[in-house]
């Protein structure tokens, strides 16, 4: 089996995870690129991979089949356009960007390239979410009318010790894709949109409550509308337990997803209790390996299981509308976002 030549641009926490997980597929020959010499040295020693200190030098020096972009969000679109023009497939870390600038150019570049392009909203490959979404799409319980999402975790605890402190990364600045909305809530919003369709409008309140070393929001409440469906999101990035629950309610029953218990369940109107489906536990890399496998399948011509550029652009509008709503203290319609 021929190995795909792959370049990881950006070797922070998520870039290193992509590097490691693409290696573990056994289907990719991976190279690392970062402007930080210490990070590059760590990648070379830990994973025995070739390294580059500048992404444009890397693209000029070697032919890659695909590129994974793991830089701060404001670099995503110009890098992705260049990568596609170079004839490479591209996987872009979420969010797609931190503004709408250049999105149309990226979509055009993708259409002209004939290459595959996806955005790494990793929830799309979680087995319990795939199962729950299939059930919801079956229509057995009828139309969804209300969705609730409640989640929280201790954000500093999830980062490898050798990586740069989050307060010194993109996270500290909304303009680089930082803050709880663009860093964490965007995952859930993107997946919910894959079930109930694009977000029409949002009313958002957010604040910096606890997380040390930054001033961006670490706590968010959002009331969203998707047509006639109401959606509520609550999230914080400082609470002690790592817990996340999604619930979809219809007139005939409810579907609940409990990430922390690795299960999803149904409760039909008239039932006495939840009917749970457990999903076997897996290590933290498992979904990222599944995502890497899905991307490699995609560039080999198999159907995509990942988030498209178009879907990621819709979620980008959610992100920007939520930020604008919080700043203005008013409901914002996503299709009117121009930032």
C-alpha atoms as a PDB file:
ATOM      1  CA  UNK A   1       0.000   0.000   0.000  1.00  0.00           C
ATOM      2  CA  UNK A   2       1.407   3.375  -1.052  1.00  0.00           C
ATOM      3  CA  UNK A   3       1.729   5.970   1.691  1.00  0.00           C
ATOM      4  CA  UNK A   4       0.245   9.434   1.251  1.00  0.00           C
ATOM      5  CA  UNK A   5       2.734  12.282   1.700  1.00  0.00           C
ATOM      6  CA  UNK A   6       1.272  14.625   4.305  1.00  0.00           C
ATOM      7  CA  UNK A   7       2.403  17.979   5.736  1.00  0.00           C
ATOM      8  CA  UNK A   8       1.177  19.186   9.146  1.00  0.00           C
ATOM      9  CA  UNK A   9       1.416  23.000   9.352  1.00  0.00           C
ATOM     10  CA  UNK A  10       1.419  24.072  12.998  1.00  0.00           C
ATOM     11  CA  UNK A  11       2.639  21.680  15.698  1.00  0.00           C
ATOM     12  CA  UNK A  12       0.928  22.976  18.808  1.00  0.00           C
ATOM     13  CA  UNK A  13      -1.383  20.740  20.844  1.00  0.00           C
ATOM     14  CA  UNK A  14      -3.838  19.921  18.046  1.00  0.00           C
ATOM     15  CA  UNK A  15      -1.171  19.830  15.329  1.00  0.00           C
ATOM     16  CA  UNK A  16       0.820  17.257  17.280  1.00  0.00           C
ATOM     17  CA  UNK A  17      -2.317  15.187  17.768  1.00  0.00           C
ATOM     18  CA  UNK A  18      -2.992  15.216  14.017  1.00  0.00           C
ATOM     19  CA  UNK A  19       0.621  14.244  13.336  1.00  0.00           C
ATOM     20  CA  UNK A  20       0.497  11.347  15.781  1.00  0.00           C
ATOM     21  CA  UNK A  21      -2.898  10.119  14.606  1.00  0.00           C
ATOM     22  CA  UNK A  22      -2.112  10.243  10.891  1.00  0.00           C
ATOM     23  CA  UNK A  23       1.019   8.235  11.669  1.00  0.00           C
ATOM     24  CA  UNK A  24      -1.039   5.665  13.547  1.00  0.00           C
ATOM     25  CA  UNK A  25      -3.189   4.992  10.474  1.00  0.00           C
ATOM     26  CA  UNK A  26      -0.125   3.455   8.794  1.00  0.00           C
ATOM     27  CA  UNK A  27      -1.270   5.126   5.576  1.00  0.00           C
ATOM     28  CA  UNK A  28       0.677   8.411   5.642  1.00  0.00           C
ATOM     29  CA  UNK A  29       4.272   9.612   5.518  1.00  0.00           C
ATOM     30  CA  UNK A  30       4.066  12.701   7.694  1.00  0.00           C
ATOM     31  CA  UNK A  31       6.232  15.852   7.803  1.00  0.00           C
ATOM     32  CA  UNK A  32       5.976  18.626  10.411  1.00  0.00           C
ATOM     33  CA  UNK A  33       6.146  22.383   9.921  1.00  0.00           C
ATOM     34  CA  UNK A  34       6.287  25.073  12.604  1.00  0.00           C
ATOM     35  CA  UNK A  35       8.047  28.389  13.172  1.00  0.00           C
ATOM     36  CA  UNK A  36       8.970  27.362  16.736  1.00  0.00           C
ATOM     37  CA  UNK A  37      12.364  25.549  16.718  1.00  0.00           C
ATOM     38  CA  UNK A  38      11.723  23.883  20.072  1.00  0.00           C
ATOM     39  CA  UNK A  39       8.438  22.385  18.878  1.00  0.00           C
ATOM     40  CA  UNK A  40      10.062  21.142  15.679  1.00  0.00           C
ATOM     41  CA  UNK A  41      12.829  19.496  17.663  1.00  0.00           C
ATOM     42  CA  UNK A  42      10.224  17.767  19.826  1.00  0.00           C
ATOM     43  CA  UNK A  43       8.334  16.530  16.745  1.00  0.00           C
ATOM     44  CA  UNK A  44      11.522  15.220  15.131  1.00  0.00           C
ATOM     45  CA  UNK A  45      12.693  13.399  18.277  1.00  0.00           C
ATOM     46  CA  UNK A  46       9.310  12.063  19.334  1.00  0.00           C
ATOM     47  CA  UNK A  47       7.932  10.983  15.974  1.00  0.00           C
ATOM     48  CA  UNK A  48      11.048  10.724  13.750  1.00  0.00           C
ATOM     49  CA  UNK A  49       9.547  12.939  11.043  1.00  0.00           C
ATOM     50  CA  UNK A  50      11.123  15.406   8.591  1.00  0.00           C
ATOM     51  CA  UNK A  51      10.628  19.038   9.632  1.00  0.00           C
ATOM     52  CA  UNK A  52      10.306  22.440   7.971  1.00  0.00           C
ATOM     53  CA  UNK A  53      10.454  25.871   9.600  1.00  0.00           C
ATOM     54  CA  UNK A  54       8.198  27.610   7.033  1.00  0.00           C
ATOM     55  CA  UNK A  55       5.174  26.251   5.214  1.00  0.00           C
ATOM     56  CA  UNK A  56       5.926  27.976   1.905  1.00  0.00           C
ATOM     57  CA  UNK A  57       9.464  26.551   1.941  1.00  0.00           C
ATOM     58  CA  UNK A  58       8.007  23.131   2.589  1.00  0.00           C
ATOM     59  CA  UNK A  59       5.594  23.372  -0.348  1.00  0.00           C
ATOM     60  CA  UNK A  60       8.421  24.576  -2.603  1.00  0.00           C
ATOM     61  CA  UNK A  61      10.812  21.854  -1.480  1.00  0.00           C
ATOM     62  CA  UNK A  62       8.583  18.788  -1.698  1.00  0.00           C
ATOM     63  CA  UNK A  63       5.447  17.498  -3.349  1.00  0.00           C
ATOM     64  CA  UNK A  64       2.763  16.637  -0.801  1.00  0.00           C
ATOM     65  CA  UNK A  65      -0.467  14.798  -1.470  1.00  0.00           C
ATOM     66  CA  UNK A  66      -2.250  16.603   1.338  1.00  0.00           C
ATOM     67  CA  UNK A  67      -1.780  19.317   3.931  1.00  0.00           C
ATOM     68  CA  UNK A  68      -3.322  19.668   7.409  1.00  0.00           C
ATOM     69  CA  UNK A  69      -3.566  23.298   8.549  1.00  0.00           C
ATOM     70  CA  UNK A  70      -3.354  23.674  12.339  1.00  0.00           C
ATOM     71  CA  UNK A  71      -2.386  27.337  12.636  1.00  0.00           C
ATOM     72  CA  UNK A  72      -4.403  30.118  14.322  1.00  0.00           C
ATOM     73  CA  UNK A  73      -7.715  30.657  12.540  1.00  0.00           C
ATOM     74  CA  UNK A  74      -6.822  33.927  10.808  1.00  0.00           C
ATOM     75  CA  UNK A  75      -4.234  32.034   8.717  1.00  0.00           C
ATOM     76  CA  UNK A  76      -6.539  29.200   7.641  1.00  0.00           C
ATOM     77  CA  UNK A  77      -8.109  30.632   4.509  1.00  0.00           C
ATOM     78  CA  UNK A  78      -5.061  32.171   2.780  1.00  0.00           C
ATOM     79  CA  UNK A  79      -3.043  29.022   3.527  1.00  0.00           C
ATOM     80  CA  UNK A  80      -5.808  26.729   2.282  1.00  0.00           C
ATOM     81  CA  UNK A  81      -6.205  28.702  -0.954  1.00  0.00           C
ATOM     82  CA  UNK A  82      -2.471  28.409  -1.609  1.00  0.00           C
ATOM     83  CA  UNK A  83      -2.436  24.704  -0.758  1.00  0.00           C
ATOM     84  CA  UNK A  84      -5.306  23.980  -3.161  1.00  0.00           C
ATOM     85  CA  UNK A  85      -3.611  26.007  -5.887  1.00  0.00           C
ATOM     86  CA  UNK A  86      -0.520  23.869  -5.342  1.00  0.00           C
ATOM     87  CA  UNK A  87      -2.598  20.791  -6.144  1.00  0.00           C
ATOM     88  CA  UNK A  88      -2.838  19.368  -2.629  1.00  0.00           C
ATOM     89  CA  UNK A  89      -5.837  18.090  -0.710  1.00  0.00           C
ATOM     90  CA  UNK A  90      -6.420  20.010   2.511  1.00  0.00           C
ATOM     91  CA  UNK A  91      -7.813  19.386   5.994  1.00  0.00           C
ATOM     92  CA  UNK A  92      -8.327  22.622   7.942  1.00  0.00           C
ATOM     93  CA  UNK A  93      -8.605  22.780  11.713  1.00  0.00           C
ATOM     94  CA  UNK A  94     -11.750  24.362  13.085  1.00  0.00           C
ATOM     95  CA  UNK A  95     -12.992  27.038  12.979  1.00  0.00           C
ATOM     96  CA  UNK A  96     -12.748  27.732   9.261  1.00  0.00           C
ATOM     97  CA  UNK A  97     -11.705  31.308  10.058  1.00  0.00           C
ATOM     98  CA  UNK A  98     -12.423  34.181  12.426  1.00  0.00           C
ATOM     99  CA  UNK A  99     -14.085  36.352   9.759  1.00  0.00           C
ATOM    100  CA  UNK A 100     -15.963  35.908   6.497  1.00  0.00           C
ATOM    101  CA  UNK A 101     -13.130  37.565   4.545  1.00  0.00           C
ATOM    102  CA  UNK A 102     -11.839  35.258   1.844  1.00  0.00           C
ATOM    103  CA  UNK A 103     -14.460  32.525   2.293  1.00  0.00           C
ATOM    104  CA  UNK A 104     -15.811  32.968  -1.253  1.00  0.00           C
ATOM    105  CA  UNK A 105     -12.244  32.892  -2.602  1.00  0.00           C
ATOM    106  CA  UNK A 106     -11.624  29.618  -0.784  1.00  0.00           C
ATOM    107  CA  UNK A 107     -14.812  28.038  -2.129  1.00  0.00           C
ATOM    108  CA  UNK A 108     -13.844  29.081  -5.669  1.00  0.00           C
ATOM    109  CA  UNK A 109     -10.294  27.779  -5.251  1.00  0.00           C
ATOM    110  CA  UNK A 110     -11.682  24.477  -4.046  1.00  0.00           C
ATOM    111  CA  UNK A 111     -14.088  24.184  -6.971  1.00  0.00           C
ATOM    112  CA  UNK A 112     -11.276  24.860  -9.463  1.00  0.00           C
ATOM    113  CA  UNK A 113      -8.748  22.561  -7.819  1.00  0.00           C
ATOM    114  CA  UNK A 114     -10.443  19.204  -8.205  1.00  0.00           C
ATOM    115  CA  UNK A 115      -9.026  18.349  -4.764  1.00  0.00           C
ATOM    116  CA  UNK A 116     -10.667  17.329  -1.504  1.00  0.00           C
ATOM    117  CA  UNK A 117     -11.118  19.874   1.290  1.00  0.00           C
ATOM    118  CA  UNK A 118     -12.668  19.357   4.721  1.00  0.00           C
ATOM    119  CA  UNK A 119     -12.709  21.039   8.124  1.00  0.00           C
ATOM    120  CA  UNK A 120     -11.693  19.075  11.213  1.00  0.00           C
ATOM    121  CA  UNK A 121     -14.894  19.188  13.238  1.00  0.00           C
ATOM    122  CA  UNK A 122     -14.046  15.860  14.821  1.00  0.00           C
ATOM    123  CA  UNK A 123     -17.503  15.163  16.305  1.00  0.00           C
ATOM    124  CA  UNK A 124     -18.579  13.906  12.867  1.00  0.00           C
ATOM    125  CA  UNK A 125     -16.661  10.652  13.445  1.00  0.00           C
ATOM    126  CA  UNK A 126     -17.720   9.957  17.054  1.00  0.00           C
ATOM    127  CA  UNK A 127     -19.543   6.579  16.972  1.00  0.00           C
ATOM    128  CA  UNK A 128     -22.222   7.556  19.519  1.00  0.00           C
ATOM    129  CA  UNK A 129     -22.995  10.723  17.543  1.00  0.00           C
ATOM    130  CA  UNK A 130     -23.140   8.862  14.246  1.00  0.00           C
ATOM    131  CA  UNK A 131     -25.610   6.408  15.765  1.00  0.00           C
ATOM    132  CA  UNK A 132     -27.738   9.115  17.390  1.00  0.00           C
ATOM    133  CA  UNK A 133     -27.815  11.240  14.223  1.00  0.00           C
ATOM    134  CA  UNK A 134     -28.937   8.256  12.140  1.00  0.00           C
ATOM    135  CA  UNK A 135     -31.794   7.672  14.581  1.00  0.00           C
ATOM    136  CA  UNK A 136     -32.792  11.337  14.574  1.00  0.00           C
ATOM    137  CA  UNK A 137     -32.709  11.450  10.784  1.00  0.00           C
ATOM    138  CA  UNK A 138     -34.895   8.343  10.583  1.00  0.00           C
ATOM    139  CA  UNK A 139     -37.834  10.455  11.766  1.00  0.00           C
ATOM    140  CA  UNK A 140     -39.109   7.744  14.109  1.00  0.00           C
ATOM    141  CA  UNK A 141     -39.936  10.347  16.772  1.00  0.00           C
ATOM    142  CA  UNK A 142     -41.116  12.962  14.303  1.00  0.00           C
ATOM    143  CA  UNK A 143     -39.857  16.534  13.816  1.00  0.00           C
ATOM    144  CA  UNK A 144     -37.333  17.932  16.293  1.00  0.00           C
ATOM    145  CA  UNK A 145     -38.710  20.947  18.118  1.00  0.00           C
ATOM    146  CA  UNK A 146     -36.194  21.743  20.871  1.00  0.00           C
ATOM    147  CA  UNK A 147     -32.487  21.029  21.473  1.00  0.00           C
ATOM    148  CA  UNK A 148     -30.432  21.609  24.626  1.00  0.00           C
ATOM    149  CA  UNK A 149     -26.670  21.391  25.013  1.00  0.00           C
ATOM    150  CA  UNK A 150     -24.915  21.629  28.380  1.00  0.00           C
ATOM    151  CA  UNK A 151     -21.154  21.146  28.614  1.00  0.00           C
ATOM    152  CA  UNK A 152     -18.084  22.131  30.559  1.00  0.00           C
ATOM    153  CA  UNK A 153     -14.560  21.058  31.388  1.00  0.00           C
ATOM    154  CA  UNK A 154     -11.329  22.267  32.960  1.00  0.00           C
ATOM    155  CA  UNK A 155      -9.703  23.591  29.800  1.00  0.00           C
ATOM    156  CA  UNK A 156      -6.097  23.862  31.073  1.00  0.00           C
ATOM    157  CA  UNK A 157      -6.101  20.199  32.082  1.00  0.00           C
ATOM    158  CA  UNK A 158      -6.505  18.897  28.551  1.00  0.00           C
ATOM    159  CA  UNK A 159      -3.232  20.163  27.091  1.00  0.00           C
ATOM    160  CA  UNK A 160       0.101  18.292  26.962  1.00  0.00           C
ATOM    161  CA  UNK A 161       2.645  19.648  29.438  1.00  0.00           C
ATOM    162  CA  UNK A 162       5.282  20.416  26.803  1.00  0.00           C
ATOM    163  CA  UNK A 163       3.012  22.635  24.686  1.00  0.00           C
ATOM    164  CA  UNK A 164       2.884  26.418  24.984  1.00  0.00           C
ATOM    165  CA  UNK A 165       0.541  27.660  27.741  1.00  0.00           C
ATOM    166  CA  UNK A 166      -2.896  28.425  26.323  1.00  0.00           C
ATOM    167  CA  UNK A 167      -2.618  32.048  27.471  1.00  0.00           C
ATOM    168  CA  UNK A 168       0.271  32.474  25.027  1.00  0.00           C
ATOM    169  CA  UNK A 169      -1.518  30.901  22.035  1.00  0.00           C
ATOM    170  CA  UNK A 170      -4.340  31.830  19.674  1.00  0.00           C
ATOM    171  CA  UNK A 171      -6.790  31.200  22.520  1.00  0.00           C
ATOM    172  CA  UNK A 172      -6.062  34.534  24.183  1.00  0.00           C
ATOM    173  CA  UNK A 173      -7.392  36.568  21.226  1.00  0.00           C
ATOM    174  CA  UNK A 174     -10.742  36.421  19.436  1.00  0.00           C
ATOM    175  CA  UNK A 175      -9.032  37.773  16.301  1.00  0.00           C
ATOM    176  CA  UNK A 176      -6.996  34.564  16.137  1.00  0.00           C
ATOM    177  CA  UNK A 177      -9.983  32.290  16.810  1.00  0.00           C
ATOM    178  CA  UNK A 178      -9.723  32.312  20.603  1.00  0.00           C
ATOM    179  CA  UNK A 179     -12.318  32.257  23.348  1.00  0.00           C
ATOM    180  CA  UNK A 180     -14.898  29.653  24.295  1.00  0.00           C
ATOM    181  CA  UNK A 181     -17.237  30.345  21.369  1.00  0.00           C
ATOM    182  CA  UNK A 182     -14.717  29.817  18.592  1.00  0.00           C
ATOM    183  CA  UNK A 183     -12.602  27.231  20.414  1.00  0.00           C
ATOM    184  CA  UNK A 184     -15.177  24.925  22.021  1.00  0.00           C
ATOM    185  CA  UNK A 185     -18.831  25.787  21.399  1.00  0.00           C
ATOM    186  CA  UNK A 186     -18.223  25.808  17.643  1.00  0.00           C
ATOM    187  CA  UNK A 187     -17.793  22.000  17.728  1.00  0.00           C
ATOM    188  CA  UNK A 188     -21.248  21.443  19.210  1.00  0.00           C
ATOM    189  CA  UNK A 189     -22.927  24.072  17.050  1.00  0.00           C
ATOM    190  CA  UNK A 190     -21.457  22.542  13.900  1.00  0.00           C
ATOM    191  CA  UNK A 191     -22.692  19.075  14.830  1.00  0.00           C
ATOM    192  CA  UNK A 192     -26.149  20.310  15.837  1.00  0.00           C
ATOM    193  CA  UNK A 193     -26.378  22.082  12.470  1.00  0.00           C
ATOM    194  CA  UNK A 194     -25.624  18.744  10.778  1.00  0.00           C
ATOM    195  CA  UNK A 195     -28.813  17.436  12.409  1.00  0.00           C
ATOM    196  CA  UNK A 196     -31.259  20.362  12.331  1.00  0.00           C
ATOM    197  CA  UNK A 197     -29.823  22.589   9.588  1.00  0.00           C
ATOM    198  CA  UNK A 198     -28.189  26.029   9.546  1.00  0.00           C
ATOM    199  CA  UNK A 199     -28.671  28.495  12.389  1.00  0.00           C
ATOM    200  CA  UNK A 200     -30.939  31.420  11.483  1.00  0.00           C
ATOM    201  CA  UNK A 201     -30.289  33.713  14.459  1.00  0.00           C
ATOM    202  CA  UNK A 202     -28.710  33.788  17.908  1.00  0.00           C
ATOM    203  CA  UNK A 203     -29.039  35.686  21.154  1.00  0.00           C
ATOM    204  CA  UNK A 204     -25.785  35.253  23.078  1.00  0.00           C
ATOM    205  CA  UNK A 205     -24.454  36.254  26.480  1.00  0.00           C
ATOM    206  CA  UNK A 206     -20.866  35.431  27.376  1.00  0.00           C
ATOM    207  CA  UNK A 207     -18.187  36.516  29.831  1.00  0.00           C
ATOM    208  CA  UNK A 208     -14.750  35.820  31.222  1.00  0.00           C
ATOM    209  CA  UNK A 209     -15.580  34.256  34.571  1.00  0.00           C
ATOM    210  CA  UNK A 210     -12.612  32.243  35.871  1.00  0.00           C
ATOM    211  CA  UNK A 211      -9.965  31.022  33.411  1.00  0.00           C
ATOM    212  CA  UNK A 212      -6.612  32.560  34.463  1.00  0.00           C
ATOM    213  CA  UNK A 213      -4.245  34.335  32.114  1.00  0.00           C
ATOM    214  CA  UNK A 214      -6.789  35.480  29.522  1.00  0.00           C
ATOM    215  CA  UNK A 215      -9.642  37.948  29.172  1.00  0.00           C
ATOM    216  CA  UNK A 216     -11.636  36.203  26.415  1.00  0.00           C
ATOM    217  CA  UNK A 217     -14.943  34.574  27.307  1.00  0.00           C
ATOM    218  CA  UNK A 218     -14.765  31.224  29.083  1.00  0.00           C
ATOM    219  CA  UNK A 219     -18.532  30.982  29.719  1.00  0.00           C
ATOM    220  CA  UNK A 220     -21.348  31.148  27.144  1.00  0.00           C
ATOM    221  CA  UNK A 221     -25.141  31.029  27.010  1.00  0.00           C
ATOM    222  CA  UNK A 222     -26.789  31.013  23.571  1.00  0.00           C
ATOM    223  CA  UNK A 223     -30.423  30.911  22.495  1.00  0.00           C
ATOM    224  CA  UNK A 224     -30.558  29.979  18.803  1.00  0.00           C
ATOM    225  CA  UNK A 225     -33.243  29.475  16.171  1.00  0.00           C
ATOM    226  CA  UNK A 226     -33.105  27.003  13.285  1.00  0.00           C
ATOM    227  CA  UNK A 227     -36.344  27.753  11.474  1.00  0.00           C
ATOM    228  CA  UNK A 228     -39.049  26.625  13.893  1.00  0.00           C
ATOM    229  CA  UNK A 229     -36.579  24.686  16.077  1.00  0.00           C
ATOM    230  CA  UNK A 230     -35.324  26.285  19.309  1.00  0.00           C
ATOM    231  CA  UNK A 231     -31.806  25.456  20.514  1.00  0.00           C
ATOM    232  CA  UNK A 232     -30.133  26.368  23.819  1.00  0.00           C
ATOM    233  CA  UNK A 233     -26.378  26.073  24.437  1.00  0.00           C
ATOM    234  CA  UNK A 234     -24.574  26.507  27.762  1.00  0.00           C
ATOM    235  CA  UNK A 235     -20.818  25.989  28.090  1.00  0.00           C
ATOM    236  CA  UNK A 236     -17.932  26.856  30.372  1.00  0.00           C
ATOM    237  CA  UNK A 237     -14.223  26.023  30.247  1.00  0.00           C
ATOM    238  CA  UNK A 238     -13.358  25.979  33.957  1.00  0.00           C
ATOM    239  CA  UNK A 239     -15.642  23.545  35.818  1.00  0.00           C
ATOM    240  CA  UNK A 240     -14.118  20.517  37.543  1.00  0.00           C
ATOM    241  CA  UNK A 241     -16.070  17.700  35.830  1.00  0.00           C
ATOM    242  CA  UNK A 242     -15.657  17.109  32.102  1.00  0.00           C
ATOM    243  CA  UNK A 243     -19.298  16.577  31.192  1.00  0.00           C
ATOM    244  CA  UNK A 244     -21.353  17.177  28.076  1.00  0.00           C
ATOM    245  CA  UNK A 245     -24.989  16.374  27.337  1.00  0.00           C
ATOM    246  CA  UNK A 246     -27.117  16.956  24.246  1.00  0.00           C
ATOM    247  CA  UNK A 247     -30.871  16.392  24.161  1.00  0.00           C
ATOM    248  CA  UNK A 248     -33.235  16.510  21.176  1.00  0.00           C
ATOM    249  CA  UNK A 249     -36.924  16.764  21.997  1.00  0.00           C
ATOM    250  CA  UNK A 250     -39.929  15.988  19.780  1.00  0.00           C
ATOM    251  CA  UNK A 251     -43.652  15.652  20.480  1.00  0.00           C
ATOM    252  CA  UNK A 252     -43.244  11.859  20.492  1.00  0.00           C
ATOM    253  CA  UNK A 253     -40.048  11.434  22.463  1.00  0.00           C
ATOM    254  CA  UNK A 254     -36.507  12.545  23.258  1.00  0.00           C
ATOM    255  CA  UNK A 255     -32.964  11.537  22.352  1.00  0.00           C
ATOM    256  CA  UNK A 256     -30.173  12.196  24.855  1.00  0.00           C
ATOM    257  CA  UNK A 257     -26.415  11.978  24.243  1.00  0.00           C
ATOM    258  CA  UNK A 258     -24.095  11.802  27.257  1.00  0.00           C
ATOM    259  CA  UNK A 259     -20.495  12.180  26.092  1.00  0.00           C
ATOM    260  CA  UNK A 260     -19.032  11.617  29.553  1.00  0.00           C
ATOM    261  CA  UNK A 261     -20.902   8.316  29.965  1.00  0.00           C
ATOM    262  CA  UNK A 262     -20.239   7.298  26.327  1.00  0.00           C
ATOM    263  CA  UNK A 263     -23.882   6.542  25.674  1.00  0.00           C
ATOM    264  CA  UNK A 264     -26.994   7.774  23.912  1.00  0.00           C
ATOM    265  CA  UNK A 265     -30.578   6.926  24.628  1.00  0.00           C
ATOM    266  CA  UNK A 266     -34.205   7.281  23.606  1.00  0.00           C
ATOM    267  CA  UNK A 267     -37.251   8.018  25.732  1.00  0.00           C
ATOM    268  CA  UNK A 268     -40.527   7.536  23.862  1.00  0.00           C
ATOM    269  CA  UNK A 269     -43.605   9.280  25.149  1.00  0.00           C
ATOM    270  CA  UNK A 270     -45.212   6.833  27.562  1.00  0.00           C
ATOM    271  CA  UNK A 271     -41.994   4.972  28.406  1.00  0.00           C
ATOM    272  CA  UNK A 272     -40.946   4.580  32.047  1.00  0.00           C
ATOM    273  CA  UNK A 273     -37.198   5.090  31.580  1.00  0.00           C
ATOM    274  CA  UNK A 274     -34.402   5.842  29.126  1.00  0.00           C
ATOM    275  CA  UNK A 275     -33.382   3.112  26.701  1.00  0.00           C
ATOM    276  CA  UNK A 276     -29.598   3.486  26.624  1.00  0.00           C
ATOM    277  CA  UNK A 277     -27.100   2.390  23.954  1.00  0.00           C
ATOM    278  CA  UNK A 278     -23.574   2.254  25.336  1.00  0.00           C
ATOM    279  CA  UNK A 279     -20.536   2.856  23.159  1.00  0.00           C
ATOM    280  CA  UNK A 280     -17.297   1.088  24.171  1.00  0.00           C
ATOM    281  CA  UNK A 281     -14.646   3.341  25.725  1.00  0.00           C
ATOM    282  CA  UNK A 282     -11.677   4.420  23.623  1.00  0.00           C
ATOM    283  CA  UNK A 283      -8.514   6.423  24.198  1.00  0.00           C
ATOM    284  CA  UNK A 284      -8.439  10.163  23.493  1.00  0.00           C
ATOM    285  CA  UNK A 285      -6.747   9.688  20.138  1.00  0.00           C
ATOM    286  CA  UNK A 286      -9.401   7.287  18.804  1.00  0.00           C
ATOM    287  CA  UNK A 287     -11.700   9.892  17.187  1.00  0.00           C
ATOM    288  CA  UNK A 288      -8.724  11.724  15.693  1.00  0.00           C
ATOM    289  CA  UNK A 289      -7.421   8.500  14.193  1.00  0.00           C
ATOM    290  CA  UNK A 290     -10.920   7.896  12.801  1.00  0.00           C
ATOM    291  CA  UNK A 291     -10.901  11.429  11.392  1.00  0.00           C
ATOM    292  CA  UNK A 292      -7.489  10.832   9.780  1.00  0.00           C
ATOM    293  CA  UNK A 293      -8.744   7.580   8.271  1.00  0.00           C
ATOM    294  CA  UNK A 294     -11.852   9.352   6.958  1.00  0.00           C
ATOM    295  CA  UNK A 295      -9.763  12.098   5.339  1.00  0.00           C
ATOM    296  CA  UNK A 296      -7.422   9.571   3.715  1.00  0.00           C
ATOM    297  CA  UNK A 297     -10.463   7.636   2.470  1.00  0.00           C
ATOM    298  CA  UNK A 298     -11.828  10.870   1.048  1.00  0.00           C
ATOM    299  CA  UNK A 299      -8.682  11.689  -0.932  1.00  0.00           C
ATOM    300  CA  UNK A 300      -8.760   8.133  -2.282  1.00  0.00           C
ATOM    301  CA  UNK A 301     -12.198   8.815  -3.762  1.00  0.00           C
ATOM    302  CA  UNK A 302     -14.471   7.376  -1.093  1.00  0.00           C
ATOM    303  CA  UNK A 303     -17.514   9.341   0.172  1.00  0.00           C
ATOM    304  CA  UNK A 304     -16.754  12.086   2.681  1.00  0.00           C
ATOM    305  CA  UNK A 305     -17.720  11.604   6.319  1.00  0.00           C
ATOM    306  CA  UNK A 306     -16.214  14.932   7.384  1.00  0.00           C
ATOM    307  CA  UNK A 307     -17.431  18.531   7.537  1.00  0.00           C
ATOM    308  CA  UNK A 308     -17.458  20.289   4.157  1.00  0.00           C
ATOM    309  CA  UNK A 309     -16.171  23.806   3.540  1.00  0.00           C
ATOM    310  CA  UNK A 310     -19.750  24.961   2.949  1.00  0.00           C
ATOM    311  CA  UNK A 311     -20.968  23.531   6.271  1.00  0.00           C
ATOM    312  CA  UNK A 312     -17.975  25.023   8.086  1.00  0.00           C
ATOM    313  CA  UNK A 313     -18.753  28.415   6.531  1.00  0.00           C
ATOM    314  CA  UNK A 314     -22.287  28.201   7.954  1.00  0.00           C
ATOM    315  CA  UNK A 315     -20.887  27.434  11.397  1.00  0.00           C
ATOM    316  CA  UNK A 316     -18.475  30.348  10.994  1.00  0.00           C
ATOM    317  CA  UNK A 317     -21.552  32.558  10.611  1.00  0.00           C
ATOM    318  CA  UNK A 318     -22.878  31.081  13.869  1.00  0.00           C
ATOM    319  CA  UNK A 319     -19.601  31.908  15.630  1.00  0.00           C
ATOM    320  CA  UNK A 320     -19.520  35.480  14.357  1.00  0.00           C
ATOM    321  CA  UNK A 321     -23.210  36.072  15.033  1.00  0.00           C
ATOM    322  CA  UNK A 322     -22.770  34.815  18.625  1.00  0.00           C
ATOM    323  CA  UNK A 323     -19.839  37.160  19.212  1.00  0.00           C
ATOM    324  CA  UNK A 324     -21.697  40.085  17.639  1.00  0.00           C
ATOM    325  CA  UNK A 325     -24.803  39.347  19.688  1.00  0.00           C
ATOM    326  CA  UNK A 326     -22.852  39.242  22.933  1.00  0.00           C
ATOM    327  CA  UNK A 327     -21.155  42.534  22.110  1.00  0.00           C
ATOM    328  CA  UNK A 328     -24.406  44.245  21.097  1.00  0.00           C
ATOM    329  CA  UNK A 329     -26.738  42.652  23.642  1.00  0.00           C
ATOM    330  CA  UNK A 330     -29.219  41.841  20.876  1.00  0.00           C
ATOM    331  CA  UNK A 331     -30.305  38.961  18.633  1.00  0.00           C
ATOM    332  CA  UNK A 332     -28.246  38.700  15.448  1.00  0.00           C
ATOM    333  CA  UNK A 333     -29.297  36.996  12.202  1.00  0.00           C
ATOM    334  CA  UNK A 334     -26.527  34.795  10.850  1.00  0.00           C
ATOM    335  CA  UNK A 335     -27.107  35.643   7.194  1.00  0.00           C
ATOM    336  CA  UNK A 336     -26.490  39.315   7.978  1.00  0.00           C
ATOM    337  CA  UNK A 337     -22.996  38.733   9.362  1.00  0.00           C
ATOM    338  CA  UNK A 338     -20.463  40.522   7.154  1.00  0.00           C
ATOM    339  CA  UNK A 339     -17.391  40.649   9.414  1.00  0.00           C
END
